[in-house]
Amino acid sequence: MSTSGLPTHWRLRTRSLALSRPGDSLRRPLLMGIVNVTPDSFSDGGRHDSVAAAVAHGLALVAQGADILDVGGESTRPYAEPVAADEELRRVSEVVRRLAGEAGVPVSIDTSKAQVAAAAIALGAEIINDVTGLTGDPEMLRVARETGAGICAMHMQGTPQTMQIDPRYDDVVAEIHAYLAARRDALVATGIPLENVCLDPGIGFGKTHAHNRELMAHAGRFLELGVPILVGHSRKGFLGKALEQSLGRQPTRDELDAATAATSRDLAAQGIQIIRVHAIEMVREAIERQT
C-alpha cells in the first residue's frame, strides 16, 4: 500500500512519538506495555495490585523495550463489574505519578472516566486510552481537548458486561472500519487535533473468536484511516482457543505469550504502528528477528 497518507508521528500531551511505516526496516512498531493495577484483570489480575509491584513491573517492561506504559485500574474483561472513580484513582494515582517520573517513556491511562483521566494527566500521563471510544463519559471529550493528551479511541460492541453475549456483524472489518472513521471525524469536530488521535479496532471487545481472527488478518486495512492504529490482542481468548485445539489442552501463559509474539510479527508486517502486549521482551525479539 502507499505510505504517502500515513502519519509519521503521534502527538501526545508534551511530546510526539515517531511511527513505523509498512516496509520500514529501520523502525519496529511501538510497544505499549500493560500495567494492570487491578485484582481481577483477565490475564494478570492481582499480580501488580500494589504500588511497589506495579511500578517495578512497569520499569521492568521499559527495560525490556516498552515504548509506552499503559496503566489501568479497572478490569475490562468480559462481564467485569464497574469500579467507582474514587477506587480507580486510589489504585492508579501513585503508580502513574511514579512511572511518569521514573520510566522515561510516556505513560497512558487506561480509563473511560474523565475524572480519572484528568487526575492521571495532572500526575504526568501523556495518553488517554479509552475502551469506549470517548463515549462512556460526557466529560471525557473536554478533558482530552483541554489537556492536549494523545488519545486512543477503541471500538467495543456493547459494554464489558454485555459485549460477549451474542456479538454479530455482517462484515466485521468493514463495520468497524466505518465506526472508527466516524469516531475519528467526530473527535476532530469537537476540537481534538487529528495528530493526537489513535484508533483501536478492539480485539476481544464484542467479537467472537472468528471476528477476532478476521480483524487480525486484515488489520492493515485500518491504516486507511490516516491515524496511528493500535492493536491489543495479547493473551486474548481467540489465541487460547486456537492453541487449545492444537495442543489438546489449556495453553500455559508462556504458550499464550509465544502466540501473541507470532501474531505481533504479522501485525508489524501489515504496518500496524502500536501493539499493546504483556510480554514485551518476547514480542520485541520476535519482531526484530523478522525485520
C-alpha atoms as a PDB file:
ATOM      1  CA  MET A   1       0.000   0.000   0.000  1.00  0.00           C
ATOM      2  CA  SER A   2       1.052   3.621  -0.498  1.00  0.00           C
ATOM      3  CA  THR A   3       2.635   5.217   2.572  1.00  0.00           C
ATOM      4  CA  SER A   4       2.057   8.808   1.457  1.00  0.00           C
ATOM      5  CA  GLY A   5      -1.067   9.282   3.594  1.00  0.00           C
ATOM      6  CA  LEU A   6       0.200   7.542   6.709  1.00  0.00           C
ATOM      7  CA  PRO A   7       1.098   9.540   9.824  1.00  0.00           C
ATOM      8  CA  THR A   8       4.765   9.813  10.769  1.00  0.00           C
ATOM      9  CA  HIS A   9       4.167  10.815  14.411  1.00  0.00           C
ATOM     10  CA  TRP A  10       1.581  10.529  17.181  1.00  0.00           C
ATOM     11  CA  ARG A  11       1.305  13.766  19.140  1.00  0.00           C
ATOM     12  CA  LEU A  12       0.893  13.411  22.892  1.00  0.00           C
ATOM     13  CA  ARG A  13       0.492  15.973  25.659  1.00  0.00           C
ATOM     14  CA  THR A  14       4.124  17.173  25.753  1.00  0.00           C
ATOM     15  CA  ARG A  15       5.907  15.154  23.057  1.00  0.00           C
ATOM     16  CA  SER A  16       5.493  13.210  19.826  1.00  0.00           C
ATOM     17  CA  LEU A  17       6.291   9.578  19.093  1.00  0.00           C
ATOM     18  CA  ALA A  18       7.787   8.584  15.737  1.00  0.00           C
ATOM     19  CA  LEU A  19       5.852   5.832  13.960  1.00  0.00           C
ATOM     20  CA  SER A  20       6.923   2.979  11.718  1.00  0.00           C
ATOM     21  CA  ARG A  21       5.554   2.517   8.205  1.00  0.00           C
ATOM     22  CA  PRO A  22       4.945  -0.605   6.108  1.00  0.00           C
ATOM     23  CA  GLY A  23       8.266  -1.848   4.777  1.00  0.00           C
ATOM     24  CA  ASP A  24      10.269   0.301   7.219  1.00  0.00           C
ATOM     25  CA  SER A  25      13.164  -1.965   8.164  1.00  0.00           C
ATOM     26  CA  LEU A  26      14.742   0.665  10.411  1.00  0.00           C
ATOM     27  CA  ARG A  27      11.907   1.017  12.906  1.00  0.00           C
ATOM     28  CA  ARG A  28       9.598  -1.508  14.551  1.00  0.00           C
ATOM     29  CA  PRO A  29       6.097  -0.766  15.864  1.00  0.00           C
ATOM     30  CA  LEU A  30       5.838   0.988  19.190  1.00  0.00           C
ATOM     31  CA  LEU A  31       5.236  -1.460  22.019  1.00  0.00           C
ATOM     32  CA  MET A  32       2.748  -0.485  24.729  1.00  0.00           C
ATOM     33  CA  GLY A  33       3.404  -2.401  27.940  1.00  0.00           C
ATOM     34  CA  ILE A  34       0.433  -3.344  30.110  1.00  0.00           C
ATOM     35  CA  VAL A  35       0.453  -2.386  33.811  1.00  0.00           C
ATOM     36  CA  ASN A  36      -2.793  -3.644  35.360  1.00  0.00           C
ATOM     37  CA  VAL A  37      -3.274  -2.338  38.898  1.00  0.00           C
ATOM     38  CA  THR A  38      -6.337  -4.493  39.442  1.00  0.00           C
ATOM     39  CA  PRO A  39      -7.346  -7.587  41.409  1.00  0.00           C
ATOM     40  CA  ASP A  40      -9.377  -9.096  38.547  1.00  0.00           C
ATOM     41  CA  SER A  41      -7.959  -8.427  35.061  1.00  0.00           C
ATOM     42  CA  PHE A  42      -8.387 -11.466  32.813  1.00  0.00           C
ATOM     43  CA  SER A  43      -4.689 -12.338  32.498  1.00  0.00           C
ATOM     44  CA  ASP A  44      -2.714 -10.851  35.356  1.00  0.00           C
ATOM     45  CA  GLY A  45      -5.216  -9.559  37.878  1.00  0.00           C
ATOM     46  CA  GLY A  46      -3.729  -9.274  41.358  1.00  0.00           C
ATOM     47  CA  ARG A  47      -0.113  -9.720  40.252  1.00  0.00           C
ATOM     48  CA  HIS A  48       0.721  -5.999  40.359  1.00  0.00           C
ATOM     49  CA  ASP A  49      -2.023  -4.512  42.530  1.00  0.00           C
ATOM     50  CA  SER A  50       0.322  -2.796  44.986  1.00  0.00           C
ATOM     51  CA  VAL A  51       2.092   0.439  44.075  1.00  0.00           C
ATOM     52  CA  ALA A  52       5.549  -1.062  44.532  1.00  0.00           C
ATOM     53  CA  ALA A  53       4.764  -4.150  42.436  1.00  0.00           C
ATOM     54  CA  ALA A  54       3.106  -2.137  39.661  1.00  0.00           C
ATOM     55  CA  VAL A  55       5.962   0.374  39.446  1.00  0.00           C
ATOM     56  CA  ALA A  56       8.576  -2.383  39.453  1.00  0.00           C
ATOM     57  CA  HIS A  57       6.669  -4.189  36.701  1.00  0.00           C
ATOM     58  CA  GLY A  58       6.421  -1.011  34.599  1.00  0.00           C
ATOM     59  CA  LEU A  59      10.138  -0.300  34.937  1.00  0.00           C
ATOM     60  CA  ALA A  60      10.919  -3.908  34.002  1.00  0.00           C
ATOM     61  CA  LEU A  61       8.785  -3.570  30.864  1.00  0.00           C
ATOM     62  CA  VAL A  62      10.729  -0.443  29.877  1.00  0.00           C
ATOM     63  CA  ALA A  63      13.996  -2.311  30.375  1.00  0.00           C
ATOM     64  CA  GLN A  64      12.644  -4.977  28.023  1.00  0.00           C
ATOM     65  CA  GLY A  65      11.830  -2.417  25.327  1.00  0.00           C
ATOM     66  CA  ALA A  66       8.422  -0.900  26.072  1.00  0.00           C
ATOM     67  CA  ASP A  67       7.911   2.478  24.365  1.00  0.00           C
ATOM     68  CA  ILE A  68       4.724   3.329  26.297  1.00  0.00           C
ATOM     69  CA  LEU A  69       3.291   2.119  29.620  1.00  0.00           C
ATOM     70  CA  ASP A  70      -0.492   1.712  29.833  1.00  0.00           C
ATOM     71  CA  VAL A  71      -1.712   1.863  33.447  1.00  0.00           C
ATOM     72  CA  GLY A  72      -5.219   0.639  34.238  1.00  0.00           C
ATOM     73  CA  GLY A  73      -7.168   0.387  37.482  1.00  0.00           C
ATOM     74  CA  GLU A  74     -10.408  -1.177  36.212  1.00  0.00           C
ATOM     75  CA  SER A  75     -10.710  -4.550  34.530  1.00  0.00           C
ATOM     76  CA  THR A  76     -12.471  -4.541  31.147  1.00  0.00           C
ATOM     77  CA  ARG A  77     -12.556  -8.330  30.828  1.00  0.00           C
ATOM     78  CA  PRO A  78     -15.924  -9.823  29.785  1.00  0.00           C
ATOM     79  CA  TYR A  79     -18.599  -9.488  32.498  1.00  0.00           C
ATOM     80  CA  ALA A  80     -16.346  -7.375  34.751  1.00  0.00           C
ATOM     81  CA  GLU A  81     -18.184  -5.169  37.221  1.00  0.00           C
ATOM     82  CA  PRO A  82     -17.617  -1.391  37.029  1.00  0.00           C
ATOM     83  CA  VAL A  83     -15.299   0.259  39.547  1.00  0.00           C
ATOM     84  CA  ALA A  84     -16.091   3.603  41.191  1.00  0.00           C
ATOM     85  CA  ALA A  85     -13.916   6.512  40.093  1.00  0.00           C
ATOM     86  CA  ASP A  86     -12.557   7.051  43.614  1.00  0.00           C
ATOM     87  CA  GLU A  87     -11.407   3.435  43.842  1.00  0.00           C
ATOM     88  CA  GLU A  88      -9.903   3.510  40.366  1.00  0.00           C
ATOM     89  CA  LEU A  89      -7.990   6.660  41.287  1.00  0.00           C
ATOM     90  CA  ARG A  90      -6.787   5.093  44.521  1.00  0.00           C
ATOM     91  CA  ARG A  91      -5.337   2.201  42.545  1.00  0.00           C
ATOM     92  CA  VAL A  92      -3.582   4.141  39.799  1.00  0.00           C
ATOM     93  CA  SER A  93      -2.612   7.611  41.042  1.00  0.00           C
ATOM     94  CA  GLU A  94       0.688   6.858  42.738  1.00  0.00           C
ATOM     95  CA  VAL A  95       1.635   4.330  40.041  1.00  0.00           C
ATOM     96  CA  VAL A  96       1.092   6.928  37.321  1.00  0.00           C
ATOM     97  CA  ARG A  97       2.976   9.596  39.258  1.00  0.00           C
ATOM     98  CA  ARG A  98       5.988   7.411  39.859  1.00  0.00           C
ATOM     99  CA  LEU A  99       6.166   5.886  36.395  1.00  0.00           C
ATOM    100  CA  ALA A 100       5.746   9.289  34.754  1.00  0.00           C
ATOM    101  CA  GLY A 101       8.727  10.491  36.752  1.00  0.00           C
ATOM    102  CA  GLU A 102      10.928   7.397  36.592  1.00  0.00           C
ATOM    103  CA  ALA A 103      10.184   5.341  33.476  1.00  0.00           C
ATOM    104  CA  GLY A 104      11.482   7.689  30.780  1.00  0.00           C
ATOM    105  CA  VAL A 105       8.668   6.703  28.391  1.00  0.00           C
ATOM    106  CA  PRO A 106       5.148   8.137  28.046  1.00  0.00           C
ATOM    107  CA  VAL A 107       2.510   6.854  30.450  1.00  0.00           C
ATOM    108  CA  SER A 108      -1.006   6.119  29.210  1.00  0.00           C
ATOM    109  CA  ILE A 109      -4.040   5.966  31.490  1.00  0.00           C
ATOM    110  CA  ASP A 110      -6.431   3.175  30.534  1.00  0.00           C
ATOM    111  CA  THR A 111      -9.783   4.557  31.685  1.00  0.00           C
ATOM    112  CA  SER A 112     -13.222   5.554  30.463  1.00  0.00           C
ATOM    113  CA  LYS A 113     -13.774   8.045  33.307  1.00  0.00           C
ATOM    114  CA  ALA A 114     -12.979  11.725  32.769  1.00  0.00           C
ATOM    115  CA  GLN A 115     -12.212  12.263  36.468  1.00  0.00           C
ATOM    116  CA  VAL A 116      -9.573   9.517  36.404  1.00  0.00           C
ATOM    117  CA  ALA A 117      -8.116  10.713  33.093  1.00  0.00           C
ATOM    118  CA  ALA A 118      -7.810  14.314  34.287  1.00  0.00           C
ATOM    119  CA  ALA A 119      -6.138  13.305  37.541  1.00  0.00           C
ATOM    120  CA  ALA A 120      -3.712  10.969  35.768  1.00  0.00           C
ATOM    121  CA  ILE A 121      -2.736  13.666  33.291  1.00  0.00           C
ATOM    122  CA  ALA A 122      -2.125  16.088  36.148  1.00  0.00           C
ATOM    123  CA  LEU A 123       0.228  13.446  37.568  1.00  0.00           C
ATOM    124  CA  GLY A 124       2.158  13.190  34.314  1.00  0.00           C
ATOM    125  CA  ALA A 125       0.256  10.842  31.984  1.00  0.00           C
ATOM    126  CA  GLU A 126       0.510  11.684  28.275  1.00  0.00           C
ATOM    127  CA  ILE A 127      -2.229   9.493  26.754  1.00  0.00           C
ATOM    128  CA  ILE A 128      -5.887   8.630  27.421  1.00  0.00           C
ATOM    129  CA  ASN A 129      -6.690   5.080  26.310  1.00  0.00           C
ATOM    130  CA  ASP A 130     -10.480   4.731  26.401  1.00  0.00           C
ATOM    131  CA  VAL A 131     -12.199   1.438  25.529  1.00  0.00           C
ATOM    132  CA  THR A 132     -15.483   3.294  24.988  1.00  0.00           C
ATOM    133  CA  GLY A 133     -14.022   5.482  22.254  1.00  0.00           C
ATOM    134  CA  LEU A 134     -14.565   8.563  24.472  1.00  0.00           C
ATOM    135  CA  THR A 135     -18.320   7.922  24.540  1.00  0.00           C
ATOM    136  CA  GLY A 136     -18.657   6.481  28.038  1.00  0.00           C
ATOM    137  CA  ASP A 137     -18.330   9.748  29.972  1.00  0.00           C
ATOM    138  CA  PRO A 138     -19.672  13.018  28.542  1.00  0.00           C
ATOM    139  CA  GLU A 139     -16.805  14.943  30.159  1.00  0.00           C
ATOM    140  CA  MET A 140     -14.055  12.901  28.510  1.00  0.00           C
ATOM    141  CA  LEU A 141     -14.059  14.916  25.283  1.00  0.00           C
ATOM    142  CA  ARG A 142     -13.486  18.122  27.257  1.00  0.00           C
ATOM    143  CA  VAL A 143     -10.625  16.574  29.232  1.00  0.00           C
ATOM    144  CA  ALA A 144      -8.994  15.283  26.053  1.00  0.00           C
ATOM    145  CA  ARG A 145      -9.356  18.618  24.296  1.00  0.00           C
ATOM    146  CA  GLU A 146      -8.219  20.834  27.191  1.00  0.00           C
ATOM    147  CA  THR A 147      -5.222  18.731  28.214  1.00  0.00           C
ATOM    148  CA  GLY A 148      -3.911  18.096  24.704  1.00  0.00           C
ATOM    149  CA  ALA A 149      -3.316  14.451  25.584  1.00  0.00           C
ATOM    150  CA  GLY A 150      -2.828  11.817  22.968  1.00  0.00           C
ATOM    151  CA  ILE A 151      -5.966   9.702  22.804  1.00  0.00           C
ATOM    152  CA  CYS A 152      -6.710   6.160  21.741  1.00  0.00           C
ATOM    153  CA  ALA A 153     -10.358   5.534  20.871  1.00  0.00           C
ATOM    154  CA  MET A 154     -11.379   1.881  20.705  1.00  0.00           C
ATOM    155  CA  HIS A 155     -14.325   0.054  19.156  1.00  0.00           C
ATOM    156  CA  MET A 156     -16.449  -2.047  21.502  1.00  0.00           C
ATOM    157  CA  GLN A 157     -19.837  -3.578  20.757  1.00  0.00           C
ATOM    158  CA  GLY A 158     -21.792  -3.180  23.997  1.00  0.00           C
ATOM    159  CA  THR A 159     -20.112  -2.898  27.398  1.00  0.00           C
ATOM    160  CA  PRO A 160     -17.780  -5.265  29.283  1.00  0.00           C
ATOM    161  CA  GLN A 161     -20.892  -6.646  30.987  1.00  0.00           C
ATOM    162  CA  THR A 162     -22.715  -7.377  27.690  1.00  0.00           C
ATOM    163  CA  MET A 163     -20.156  -7.449  24.875  1.00  0.00           C
ATOM    164  CA  GLN A 164     -19.679 -11.224  24.680  1.00  0.00           C
ATOM    165  CA  ILE A 165     -23.321 -12.280  24.993  1.00  0.00           C
ATOM    166  CA  ASP A 166     -24.004 -12.520  21.244  1.00  0.00           C
ATOM    167  CA  PRO A 167     -21.780 -10.248  19.121  1.00  0.00           C
ATOM    168  CA  ARG A 168     -22.891 -10.079  15.485  1.00  0.00           C
ATOM    169  CA  TYR A 169     -21.632  -8.374  12.330  1.00  0.00           C
ATOM    170  CA  ASP A 170     -22.419  -8.779   8.641  1.00  0.00           C
ATOM    171  CA  ASP A 171     -18.848  -7.737   7.745  1.00  0.00           C
ATOM    172  CA  VAL A 172     -16.769  -7.210  10.871  1.00  0.00           C
ATOM    173  CA  VAL A 173     -13.833  -5.463   9.189  1.00  0.00           C
ATOM    174  CA  ALA A 174     -15.988  -3.090   7.122  1.00  0.00           C
ATOM    175  CA  GLU A 175     -18.315  -2.236  10.008  1.00  0.00           C
ATOM    176  CA  ILE A 176     -15.540  -1.492  12.473  1.00  0.00           C
ATOM    177  CA  HIS A 177     -13.643   0.458   9.800  1.00  0.00           C
ATOM    178  CA  ALA A 178     -16.749   2.612   9.272  1.00  0.00           C
ATOM    179  CA  TYR A 179     -17.251   3.078  13.016  1.00  0.00           C
ATOM    180  CA  LEU A 180     -13.658   4.163  13.557  1.00  0.00           C
ATOM    181  CA  ALA A 181     -13.771   6.560  10.611  1.00  0.00           C
ATOM    182  CA  ALA A 182     -16.900   8.166  12.054  1.00  0.00           C
ATOM    183  CA  ARG A 183     -15.368   8.290  15.515  1.00  0.00           C
ATOM    184  CA  ARG A 184     -12.207   9.936  14.142  1.00  0.00           C
ATOM    185  CA  ASP A 185     -14.278  12.602  12.422  1.00  0.00           C
ATOM    186  CA  ALA A 186     -16.430  13.200  15.499  1.00  0.00           C
ATOM    187  CA  LEU A 187     -13.382  13.648  17.725  1.00  0.00           C
ATOM    188  CA  VAL A 188     -11.790  16.125  15.315  1.00  0.00           C
ATOM    189  CA  ALA A 189     -15.087  18.005  15.044  1.00  0.00           C
ATOM    190  CA  THR A 190     -15.017  18.621  18.813  1.00  0.00           C
ATOM    191  CA  GLY A 191     -11.616  20.319  18.533  1.00  0.00           C
ATOM    192  CA  ILE A 192      -9.243  17.419  19.211  1.00  0.00           C
ATOM    193  CA  PRO A 193      -6.366  17.662  16.703  1.00  0.00           C
ATOM    194  CA  LEU A 194      -6.153  14.781  14.235  1.00  0.00           C
ATOM    195  CA  GLU A 195      -2.468  14.420  15.136  1.00  0.00           C
ATOM    196  CA  ASN A 196      -3.477  13.413  18.688  1.00  0.00           C
ATOM    197  CA  VAL A 197      -5.874  10.661  17.621  1.00  0.00           C
ATOM    198  CA  CYS A 198      -5.096   6.938  17.600  1.00  0.00           C
ATOM    199  CA  LEU A 199      -7.696   4.253  16.841  1.00  0.00           C
ATOM    200  CA  ASP A 200      -8.069   0.646  18.005  1.00  0.00           C
ATOM    201  CA  PRO A 201     -10.371  -1.995  16.419  1.00  0.00           C
ATOM    202  CA  GLY A 202     -10.898  -3.578  19.851  1.00  0.00           C
ATOM    203  CA  ILE A 203      -9.793  -7.188  19.560  1.00  0.00           C
ATOM    204  CA  GLY A 204     -11.861  -9.236  22.015  1.00  0.00           C
ATOM    205  CA  PHE A 205     -14.344  -6.464  22.817  1.00  0.00           C
ATOM    206  CA  GLY A 206     -17.710  -7.599  21.495  1.00  0.00           C
ATOM    207  CA  LYS A 207     -16.305 -10.038  18.944  1.00  0.00           C
ATOM    208  CA  THR A 208     -16.326 -13.802  18.535  1.00  0.00           C
ATOM    209  CA  HIS A 209     -13.104 -15.739  18.009  1.00  0.00           C
ATOM    210  CA  ALA A 210     -13.871 -15.770  14.272  1.00  0.00           C
ATOM    211  CA  HIS A 211     -14.365 -11.995  14.272  1.00  0.00           C
ATOM    212  CA  ASN A 212     -11.034 -11.511  16.037  1.00  0.00           C
ATOM    213  CA  ARG A 213      -9.204 -13.733  13.543  1.00  0.00           C
ATOM    214  CA  GLU A 214     -10.717 -11.757  10.671  1.00  0.00           C
ATOM    215  CA  LEU A 215      -9.700  -8.448  12.201  1.00  0.00           C
ATOM    216  CA  MET A 216      -6.167  -9.663  12.808  1.00  0.00           C
ATOM    217  CA  ALA A 217      -5.836 -10.929   9.234  1.00  0.00           C
ATOM    218  CA  HIS A 218      -6.970  -7.582   7.814  1.00  0.00           C
ATOM    219  CA  ALA A 219      -5.605  -5.184  10.453  1.00  0.00           C
ATOM    220  CA  GLY A 220      -3.606  -3.312   7.817  1.00  0.00           C
ATOM    221  CA  ARG A 221      -6.828  -2.071   6.267  1.00  0.00           C
ATOM    222  CA  PHE A 222      -7.323   0.257   9.221  1.00  0.00           C
ATOM    223  CA  LEU A 223      -4.223   2.200   8.162  1.00  0.00           C
ATOM    224  CA  GLU A 224      -6.502   3.765   5.535  1.00  0.00           C
ATOM    225  CA  LEU A 225      -7.949   5.849   8.376  1.00  0.00           C
ATOM    226  CA  GLY A 226      -4.854   8.085   8.312  1.00  0.00           C
ATOM    227  CA  VAL A 227      -4.091   7.977  12.045  1.00  0.00           C
ATOM    228  CA  PRO A 228      -1.975   5.634  14.184  1.00  0.00           C
ATOM    229  CA  ILE A 229      -3.558   2.204  14.683  1.00  0.00           C
ATOM    230  CA  LEU A 230      -3.164   0.297  17.944  1.00  0.00           C
ATOM    231  CA  VAL A 231      -3.941  -3.408  18.285  1.00  0.00           C
ATOM    232  CA  GLY A 232      -4.268  -5.112  21.673  1.00  0.00           C
ATOM    233  CA  HIS A 233      -4.507  -8.873  21.169  1.00  0.00           C
ATOM    234  CA  SER A 234      -2.202 -10.061  23.935  1.00  0.00           C
ATOM    235  CA  ARG A 235      -3.281 -13.318  25.608  1.00  0.00           C
ATOM    236  CA  LYS A 236      -6.801 -12.917  24.204  1.00  0.00           C
ATOM    237  CA  GLY A 237      -9.275 -15.779  24.098  1.00  0.00           C
ATOM    238  CA  PHE A 238      -9.093 -16.424  20.367  1.00  0.00           C
ATOM    239  CA  LEU A 239      -5.384 -17.224  20.738  1.00  0.00           C
ATOM    240  CA  GLY A 240      -6.096 -19.514  23.671  1.00  0.00           C
ATOM    241  CA  LYS A 241      -8.826 -21.315  21.748  1.00  0.00           C
ATOM    242  CA  ALA A 242      -6.568 -21.898  18.734  1.00  0.00           C
ATOM    243  CA  LEU A 243      -3.822 -23.245  20.989  1.00  0.00           C
ATOM    244  CA  GLU A 244      -6.243 -25.464  22.883  1.00  0.00           C
ATOM    245  CA  GLN A 245      -7.430 -27.017  19.636  1.00  0.00           C
ATOM    246  CA  SER A 246      -3.848 -27.557  18.507  1.00  0.00           C
ATOM    247  CA  LEU A 247      -2.452 -28.851  21.805  1.00  0.00           C
ATOM    248  CA  GLY A 248      -5.475 -30.716  23.102  1.00  0.00           C
ATOM    249  CA  ARG A 249      -5.230 -28.904  26.449  1.00  0.00           C
ATOM    250  CA  GLN A 250      -5.332 -25.474  28.000  1.00  0.00           C
ATOM    251  CA  PRO A 251      -2.250 -23.446  26.980  1.00  0.00           C
ATOM    252  CA  THR A 252       0.189 -22.102  29.530  1.00  0.00           C
ATOM    253  CA  ARG A 253       0.835 -18.378  29.878  1.00  0.00           C
ATOM    254  CA  ASP A 254       4.196 -18.809  28.129  1.00  0.00           C
ATOM    255  CA  GLU A 255       2.459 -20.520  25.216  1.00  0.00           C
ATOM    256  CA  LEU A 256      -0.080 -17.691  25.026  1.00  0.00           C
ATOM    257  CA  ASP A 257       2.761 -15.183  25.005  1.00  0.00           C
ATOM    258  CA  ALA A 258       4.507 -17.088  22.209  1.00  0.00           C
ATOM    259  CA  ALA A 259       1.281 -16.986  20.173  1.00  0.00           C
ATOM    260  CA  THR A 260       0.974 -13.276  20.919  1.00  0.00           C
ATOM    261  CA  ALA A 261       4.531 -12.744  19.691  1.00  0.00           C
ATOM    262  CA  ALA A 262       3.939 -14.699  16.479  1.00  0.00           C
ATOM    263  CA  THR A 263       0.789 -12.753  15.656  1.00  0.00           C
ATOM    264  CA  SER A 264       2.533  -9.494  16.590  1.00  0.00           C
ATOM    265  CA  ARG A 265       5.052 -10.247  13.844  1.00  0.00           C
ATOM    266  CA  ASP A 266       2.198 -10.422  11.378  1.00  0.00           C
ATOM    267  CA  LEU A 267       0.744  -7.137  12.645  1.00  0.00           C
ATOM    268  CA  ALA A 268       4.154  -5.495  12.222  1.00  0.00           C
ATOM    269  CA  ALA A 269       4.373  -6.841   8.673  1.00  0.00           C
ATOM    270  CA  GLN A 270       0.972  -5.280   7.944  1.00  0.00           C
ATOM    271  CA  GLY A 271       2.264  -1.912   9.157  1.00  0.00           C
ATOM    272  CA  ILE A 272       0.429  -1.607  12.481  1.00  0.00           C
ATOM    273  CA  GLN A 273       2.201   1.170  14.377  1.00  0.00           C
ATOM    274  CA  ILE A 274       1.389   0.359  18.031  1.00  0.00           C
ATOM    275  CA  ILE A 275       0.990  -3.059  19.645  1.00  0.00           C
ATOM    276  CA  ARG A 276      -0.262  -3.419  23.244  1.00  0.00           C
ATOM    277  CA  VAL A 277       1.133  -6.530  24.940  1.00  0.00           C
ATOM    278  CA  HIS A 278       2.071  -8.143  28.240  1.00  0.00           C
ATOM    279  CA  ALA A 279       5.322  -9.913  27.269  1.00  0.00           C
ATOM    280  CA  ILE A 280       7.324  -7.021  25.850  1.00  0.00           C
ATOM    281  CA  GLU A 281      10.676  -8.772  25.515  1.00  0.00           C
ATOM    282  CA  MET A 282       9.298 -11.810  23.683  1.00  0.00           C
ATOM    283  CA  VAL A 283       7.295  -9.653  21.268  1.00  0.00           C
ATOM    284  CA  ARG A 284      10.174  -7.243  20.637  1.00  0.00           C
ATOM    285  CA  GLU A 285      12.579 -10.061  19.868  1.00  0.00           C
ATOM    286  CA  ALA A 286      10.081 -11.756  17.544  1.00  0.00           C
ATOM    287  CA  ILE A 287       9.513  -8.567  15.561  1.00  0.00           C
ATOM    288  CA  GLU A 288      13.186  -7.654  15.422  1.00  0.00           C
ATOM    289  CA  ARG A 289      14.080 -11.116  14.124  1.00  0.00           C
ATOM    290  CA  GLN A 290      11.598 -10.562  11.327  1.00  0.00           C
ATOM    291  CA  THR A 291      12.982  -7.141  10.364  1.00  0.00           C
END
